[in-house]
Amino acid sequence: MNTTNISNNSSFSYDEIFTHTLDIIQGSIYIPIFCAGIGNNILTILIISLNQDMRTVTNCYLLNLAISDTLPLIVSLPFEISFLPIKVPWEHLGCRIRALLAETSTNASILTISAFTIERYLAVCGPFRISSLSTIQRAIKVQIFIWFIAILSSTPYFYFTKNIDYQCLFDQNFQLFVTICIHISATCFFLLPVFILCLLYALMAQRLYNIGLLHEVHRSKNEKSNSNSSPMNIQLNESIDHRLENRQFRSTHYSLPRTLMFTRQSTCRNGNISSPGLLLHIQAMKKSAFKMLCKFILLS
């Protein structure tokens, strides 16, 4: 009888020691994560919010990501540290709010990263299309839509969570619905975003690789042509280019006043310019004539 009691007491003490050690290890990991995460995210929010120069489309997504990453650190991580005397307030309502905010912030972070990746994909593979669409107002609208989807998808967890023995757990009466919601969340907010991110990053890498390969081909052709040319041919080409530049300058010098007079008479009527394209053409001719004049002065 005494031997049985001693064995039970020893096993109980071993369990307590193991639990206490595990709590210390858990706290030593969670506390630095909490401090570093809160500090870095708050600094990011303050820097982007207070500096007008930092208000770009990319920083809008980074600001939204910092906000969504801060929420789970505040509403979830402190309550997971066992040796801290922190309990969830308001019993059932507190647990439901905590579950709603934690799930909302997680979904918002995943959707923000996905939207930002799509934005970068369009900027790399279709820069001319995205130039008119990539605005701060559009980014703000996308982020508002992201938070709406995140809150809507997290609403079931608000009703399925309750406080049981000072712990926030799912209600066993809704076990089937909880399982369905978990599978839907895992598919829509993990598997599908991971597939989209991998696909888009692969397409961006292929696009950048092709652009770099084209540059390498052009550079190798130029190096080959330069290596095959002799010094005599280089001097001959330079003299020919010099003569062509002089001829081009002389032709531009004599034809520019006539062209300007003709375009001015044909486009300016009663002080109004009939064609903006001709005006741009005149400005381009002025710039080219000025460049040729500078070259002629330097060569002479």
Protein backbone atom coordinates (compact mmCIF):
# COMPACT_ATOMS: atom_id res chain seq x y z
CA MET A 1 0.00 0.00 0.00
CA ASN A 2 2.79 2.39 0.92
CA THR A 3 4.71 1.45 -2.21
CA THR A 4 1.70 2.29 -4.37
CA ASN A 5 1.28 5.69 -2.73
CA ILE A 6 4.98 6.47 -3.17
CA SER A 7 4.86 5.55 -6.87
CA ASN A 8 1.74 7.67 -7.40
CA ASN A 9 3.29 10.64 -5.62
CA SER A 10 6.51 10.33 -7.63
CA SER A 11 4.66 10.13 -10.94
CA PHE A 12 2.53 13.11 -9.94
CA SER A 13 5.62 15.11 -9.03
CA TYR A 14 7.27 14.19 -12.33
CA ASP A 15 4.20 15.40 -14.21
CA GLU A 16 4.27 18.68 -12.32
CA ILE A 17 7.97 19.17 -13.03
CA PHE A 18 7.47 18.42 -16.73
CA THR A 19 4.49 20.78 -16.97
CA HIS A 20 6.33 23.53 -15.15
CA THR A 21 9.41 23.10 -17.36
CA LEU A 22 7.26 23.15 -20.49
CA ASP A 23 5.57 26.35 -19.32
CA ILE A 24 8.94 28.03 -18.78
CA ILE A 25 10.18 27.01 -22.25
CA GLN A 26 6.93 28.18 -23.81
CA GLY A 27 7.11 31.53 -22.05
CA SER A 28 10.77 32.05 -22.98
CA ILE A 29 9.77 31.63 -26.64
CA TYR A 30 6.48 33.54 -26.62
CA ILE A 31 7.61 36.62 -24.69
CA PRO A 32 10.43 37.62 -27.11
CA ILE A 33 8.11 37.00 -30.06
CA PHE A 34 5.47 39.20 -28.45
CA CYS A 35 7.88 42.07 -27.69
CA ALA A 36 9.62 41.97 -31.08
CA GLY A 37 6.38 41.65 -33.02
CA ILE A 38 4.57 44.45 -31.20
CA GLY A 39 7.58 46.79 -31.40
CA ASN A 40 8.33 46.24 -35.09
CA ASN A 41 4.71 46.38 -36.22
CA ILE A 42 3.96 49.56 -34.25
CA LEU A 43 7.09 51.22 -35.67
CA THR A 44 6.03 50.22 -39.17
CA ILE A 45 2.54 51.64 -38.65
CA LEU A 46 3.87 54.92 -37.24
CA ILE A 47 6.53 55.43 -39.92
CA ILE A 48 4.17 54.81 -42.84
CA SER A 49 1.31 56.80 -41.30
CA LEU A 50 3.32 59.89 -40.33
CA ASN A 51 5.56 60.22 -43.41
CA GLN A 52 3.78 61.40 -46.54
CA ASP A 53 6.69 60.26 -48.72
CA MET A 54 6.07 56.70 -47.55
CA ARG A 55 2.45 56.66 -48.71
CA THR A 56 2.79 54.43 -51.75
CA VAL A 57 0.81 51.46 -53.00
CA THR A 58 3.38 48.99 -51.71
CA ASN A 59 3.49 50.61 -48.28
CA CYS A 60 -0.32 50.56 -48.11
CA TYR A 61 -0.21 46.78 -48.28
CA LEU A 62 2.66 46.67 -45.78
CA LEU A 63 0.68 48.90 -43.40
CA ASN A 64 -2.36 46.65 -43.65
CA LEU A 65 -0.15 43.61 -43.08
CA ALA A 66 1.40 45.20 -39.98
CA ILE A 67 -2.07 45.91 -38.54
CA SER A 68 -3.31 42.39 -39.21
CA ASP A 69 -0.14 40.91 -37.68
CA THR A 70 -0.48 43.02 -34.53
CA LEU A 71 -3.98 41.82 -33.66
CA PRO A 72 -3.16 38.14 -32.95
CA LEU A 73 -0.16 39.19 -30.86
CA ILE A 74 -2.47 41.24 -28.64
CA VAL A 75 -5.58 39.07 -28.45
CA SER A 76 -4.02 35.58 -28.50
CA LEU A 77 -0.39 35.34 -27.48
CA PRO A 78 -0.58 36.74 -23.90
CA PHE A 79 -3.30 34.25 -22.96
CA GLU A 80 -1.21 31.33 -24.25
CA ILE A 81 1.57 31.93 -21.70
CA SER A 82 0.60 29.61 -18.87
CA PHE A 83 2.59 31.08 -15.97
CA LEU A 84 1.27 34.61 -16.53
CA PRO A 85 -1.83 35.46 -14.45
CA ILE A 86 -3.78 36.68 -17.48
CA LYS A 87 -7.29 35.40 -18.02
CA VAL A 88 -9.73 36.14 -20.80
CA PRO A 89 -12.20 38.79 -19.58
CA TRP A 90 -15.99 38.71 -19.92
CA GLU A 91 -16.15 34.88 -19.91
CA HIS A 92 -18.08 33.66 -22.98
CA LEU A 93 -18.16 37.06 -24.71
CA GLY A 94 -14.43 37.55 -24.21
CA CYS A 95 -13.66 34.14 -25.71
CA ARG A 96 -15.90 34.81 -28.67
CA ILE A 97 -14.33 38.21 -29.36
CA ARG A 98 -10.88 36.69 -29.05
CA ALA A 99 -11.72 33.89 -31.51
CA LEU A 100 -13.27 36.37 -33.96
CA LEU A 101 -10.30 38.78 -33.89
CA ALA A 102 -7.69 36.04 -34.07
CA GLU A 103 -9.30 34.34 -37.06
CA THR A 104 -10.03 37.67 -38.77
CA SER A 105 -6.44 38.88 -38.46
CA THR A 106 -5.08 35.59 -39.78
CA ASN A 107 -7.36 35.62 -42.81
CA ALA A 108 -6.64 39.31 -43.44
CA SER A 109 -2.88 38.68 -43.38
CA ILE A 110 -3.16 35.84 -45.89
CA LEU A 111 -5.43 37.83 -48.21
CA THR A 112 -3.15 40.89 -47.98
CA ILE A 113 -0.09 38.85 -48.97
CA SER A 114 -2.05 37.32 -51.86
CA ALA A 115 -3.28 40.72 -53.09
CA PHE A 116 0.22 42.19 -52.82
CA THR A 117 1.64 39.26 -54.81
CA ILE A 118 -0.98 39.76 -57.54
CA GLU A 119 -0.05 43.46 -57.62
CA ARG A 120 3.65 42.61 -58.07
CA TYR A 121 2.82 40.04 -60.75
CA LEU A 122 0.89 42.61 -62.77
CA ALA A 123 3.72 45.13 -62.32
CA VAL A 124 6.31 42.66 -63.62
CA CYS A 125 4.36 40.94 -66.40
CA GLY A 126 2.07 43.80 -67.45
CA PRO A 127 3.63 47.14 -66.45
CA PHE A 128 1.71 49.18 -69.03
CA ARG A 129 -1.63 47.82 -67.84
CA ILE A 130 -0.95 48.25 -64.13
CA SER A 131 0.42 51.80 -64.42
CA SER A 132 -3.08 53.28 -64.62
CA LEU A 133 -4.62 50.87 -62.09
CA SER A 134 -1.96 50.86 -59.37
CA THR A 135 -3.14 53.79 -57.24
CA ILE A 136 -3.42 54.37 -53.51
CA GLN A 137 -7.21 54.75 -53.72
CA ARG A 138 -7.50 51.37 -55.42
CA ALA A 139 -5.21 49.77 -52.83
CA ILE A 140 -7.36 51.17 -50.01
CA LYS A 141 -10.51 49.77 -51.62
CA VAL A 142 -8.85 46.37 -51.98
CA GLN A 143 -7.86 46.39 -48.31
CA ILE A 144 -11.37 47.33 -47.19
CA PHE A 145 -12.70 44.41 -49.24
CA ILE A 146 -10.07 42.14 -47.68
CA TRP A 147 -11.18 43.02 -44.14
CA PHE A 148 -14.83 42.53 -45.10
CA ILE A 149 -14.10 39.02 -46.40
CA ALA A 150 -11.93 38.23 -43.36
CA ILE A 151 -14.62 39.29 -40.87
CA LEU A 152 -17.36 37.50 -42.79
CA SER A 153 -15.40 34.24 -42.94
CA SER A 154 -14.54 34.42 -39.22
CA THR A 155 -18.07 35.04 -37.98
CA PRO A 156 -18.90 31.32 -37.38
CA TYR A 157 -16.06 31.05 -34.85
CA PHE A 158 -17.74 33.78 -32.83
CA TYR A 159 -20.74 31.53 -32.24
CA PHE A 160 -18.87 28.23 -31.84
CA THR A 161 -16.50 29.36 -29.04
CA LYS A 162 -17.27 29.40 -25.33
CA ASN A 163 -15.44 29.63 -22.01
CA ILE A 164 -14.99 26.19 -20.42
CA ASP A 165 -13.00 26.05 -17.16
CA TYR A 166 -11.33 29.40 -17.92
CA GLN A 167 -10.27 28.18 -21.35
CA CYS A 168 -11.60 29.24 -24.73
CA LEU A 169 -12.75 26.06 -26.47
CA PHE A 170 -15.17 25.08 -29.21
CA ASP A 171 -18.64 24.07 -28.12
CA GLN A 172 -19.08 20.31 -28.48
CA ASN A 173 -22.68 20.79 -29.59
CA PHE A 174 -21.41 22.33 -32.87
CA GLN A 175 -18.60 19.85 -33.52
CA LEU A 176 -19.78 19.02 -37.06
CA PHE A 177 -20.08 22.69 -38.06
CA VAL A 178 -16.69 23.45 -36.51
CA THR A 179 -15.08 20.68 -38.56
CA ILE A 180 -16.68 21.99 -41.76
CA CYS A 181 -15.52 25.55 -41.02
CA ILE A 182 -11.98 24.39 -40.31
CA HIS A 183 -11.82 22.50 -43.62
CA ILE A 184 -13.20 25.49 -45.53
CA SER A 185 -10.73 27.86 -43.85
CA ALA A 186 -7.81 25.52 -44.54
CA THR A 187 -8.77 25.29 -48.21
CA CYS A 188 -9.65 28.93 -48.90
CA PHE A 189 -7.08 30.62 -46.68
CA PHE A 190 -4.14 28.22 -46.88
CA LEU A 191 -4.08 25.73 -49.75
CA LEU A 192 -5.52 28.02 -52.41
CA PRO A 193 -3.33 31.05 -51.50
CA VAL A 194 -0.22 28.86 -51.39
CA PHE A 195 -1.00 27.52 -54.87
CA ILE A 196 -1.63 31.04 -56.22
CA LEU A 197 1.56 32.43 -54.66
CA CYS A 198 3.72 29.61 -56.01
CA LEU A 199 2.21 29.96 -59.48
CA LEU A 200 2.61 33.75 -59.63
CA TYR A 201 6.16 33.70 -58.31
CA ALA A 202 7.07 31.02 -60.87
CA LEU A 203 5.61 33.14 -63.68
CA MET A 204 7.46 36.23 -62.42
CA ALA A 205 10.72 34.29 -62.22
CA GLN A 206 10.23 33.01 -65.77
CA ARG A 207 9.48 36.53 -66.99
CA LEU A 208 12.55 38.01 -65.32
CA TYR A 209 14.69 35.14 -66.58
CA ASN A 210 13.52 35.69 -70.16
CA ILE A 211 14.22 39.42 -69.94
CA GLY A 212 17.70 38.75 -68.58
CA LEU A 213 18.31 36.14 -71.28
CA LEU A 214 17.41 38.63 -74.01
CA HIS A 215 19.81 41.17 -72.54
CA GLU A 216 22.54 38.53 -72.48
CA VAL A 217 21.92 37.69 -76.17
CA HIS A 218 22.10 41.35 -77.21
CA ARG A 219 25.23 41.91 -75.15
CA SER A 220 26.94 38.83 -76.60
CA LYS A 221 26.13 40.02 -80.13
CA ASN A 222 27.60 43.45 -79.40
CA GLU A 223 30.72 41.94 -77.87
CA LYS A 224 31.13 39.64 -80.86
CA SER A 225 30.81 42.49 -83.35
CA ASN A 226 33.29 44.60 -81.37
CA SER A 227 35.81 41.76 -81.14
CA ASN A 228 35.66 41.05 -84.89
CA SER A 229 36.21 44.69 -85.90
CA SER A 230 39.80 45.77 -86.60
CA PRO A 231 41.35 49.11 -85.52
CA MET A 232 41.34 50.32 -89.14
CA ASN A 233 37.61 49.63 -89.43
CA ILE A 234 36.94 51.38 -86.13
CA GLN A 235 38.72 54.55 -87.33
CA LEU A 236 36.90 54.37 -90.66
CA ASN A 237 33.52 53.99 -88.93
CA GLU A 238 34.28 56.91 -86.62
CA SER A 239 35.18 59.17 -89.56
CA ILE A 240 32.02 58.14 -91.42
CA ASP A 241 29.88 58.79 -88.34
CA HIS A 242 31.56 62.19 -87.94
CA ARG A 243 30.77 63.15 -91.54
CA LEU A 244 27.19 61.94 -91.24
CA GLU A 245 26.68 63.98 -88.07
CA ASN A 246 28.02 67.11 -89.81
CA ARG A 247 25.71 66.56 -92.77
CA GLN A 248 22.76 65.92 -90.50
CA PHE A 249 23.51 69.08 -88.54
CA ARG A 250 23.80 71.19 -91.71
CA SER A 251 20.56 69.81 -93.13
CA THR A 252 18.81 70.39 -89.83
CA HIS A 253 20.35 73.86 -89.54
CA TYR A 254 19.05 74.95 -92.94
CA SER A 255 15.70 73.12 -92.89
CA LEU A 256 14.67 73.85 -89.29
CA PRO A 257 13.67 77.55 -89.74
CA ARG A 258 11.59 76.73 -92.84
CA THR A 259 9.90 73.82 -91.07
CA LEU A 260 9.16 75.87 -87.99
CA MET A 261 7.75 78.73 -90.11
CA PHE A 262 5.56 76.32 -92.08
CA THR A 263 4.23 74.51 -89.01
CA ARG A 264 3.60 77.77 -87.22
CA GLN A 265 1.56 79.13 -90.13
CA SER A 266 -0.37 75.88 -90.55
CA THR A 267 -1.10 75.21 -86.89
CA CYS A 268 -1.52 78.64 -85.32
CA ARG A 269 -4.66 80.42 -86.36
CA ASN A 270 -5.87 83.35 -84.28
CA GLY A 271 -3.53 82.28 -81.46
CA ASN A 272 -4.93 78.69 -81.21
CA ILE A 273 -2.97 75.51 -81.87
CA SER A 274 -5.02 73.11 -83.98
CA SER A 275 -2.94 69.96 -83.36
CA PRO A 276 -1.08 69.14 -80.15
CA GLY A 277 0.87 66.43 -82.01
CA LEU A 278 2.48 68.98 -84.30
CA LEU A 279 3.48 71.05 -81.30
CA LEU A 280 5.25 68.05 -79.79
CA HIS A 281 6.94 67.46 -83.16
CA ILE A 282 8.20 71.04 -83.18
CA GLN A 283 9.56 70.68 -79.66
CA ALA A 284 11.34 67.46 -80.63
CA MET A 285 12.91 69.20 -83.64
CA LYS A 286 14.11 72.01 -81.41
CA LYS A 287 15.73 69.54 -79.03
CA SER A 288 17.44 67.65 -81.87
CA ALA A 289 18.68 70.88 -83.42
CA PHE A 290 20.06 72.03 -80.08
CA LYS A 291 21.87 68.71 -79.61
CA MET A 292 23.36 68.93 -83.10
CA LEU A 293 24.47 72.51 -82.42
CA CYS A 294 26.25 71.41 -79.24
CA LYS A 295 27.98 68.57 -81.08
CA PHE A 296 29.07 70.93 -83.87
CA ILE A 297 30.51 73.41 -81.36
CA LEU A 298 32.41 70.66 -79.52
CA LEU A 299 33.77 69.10 -82.72
CA SER A 300 34.82 72.41 -84.20
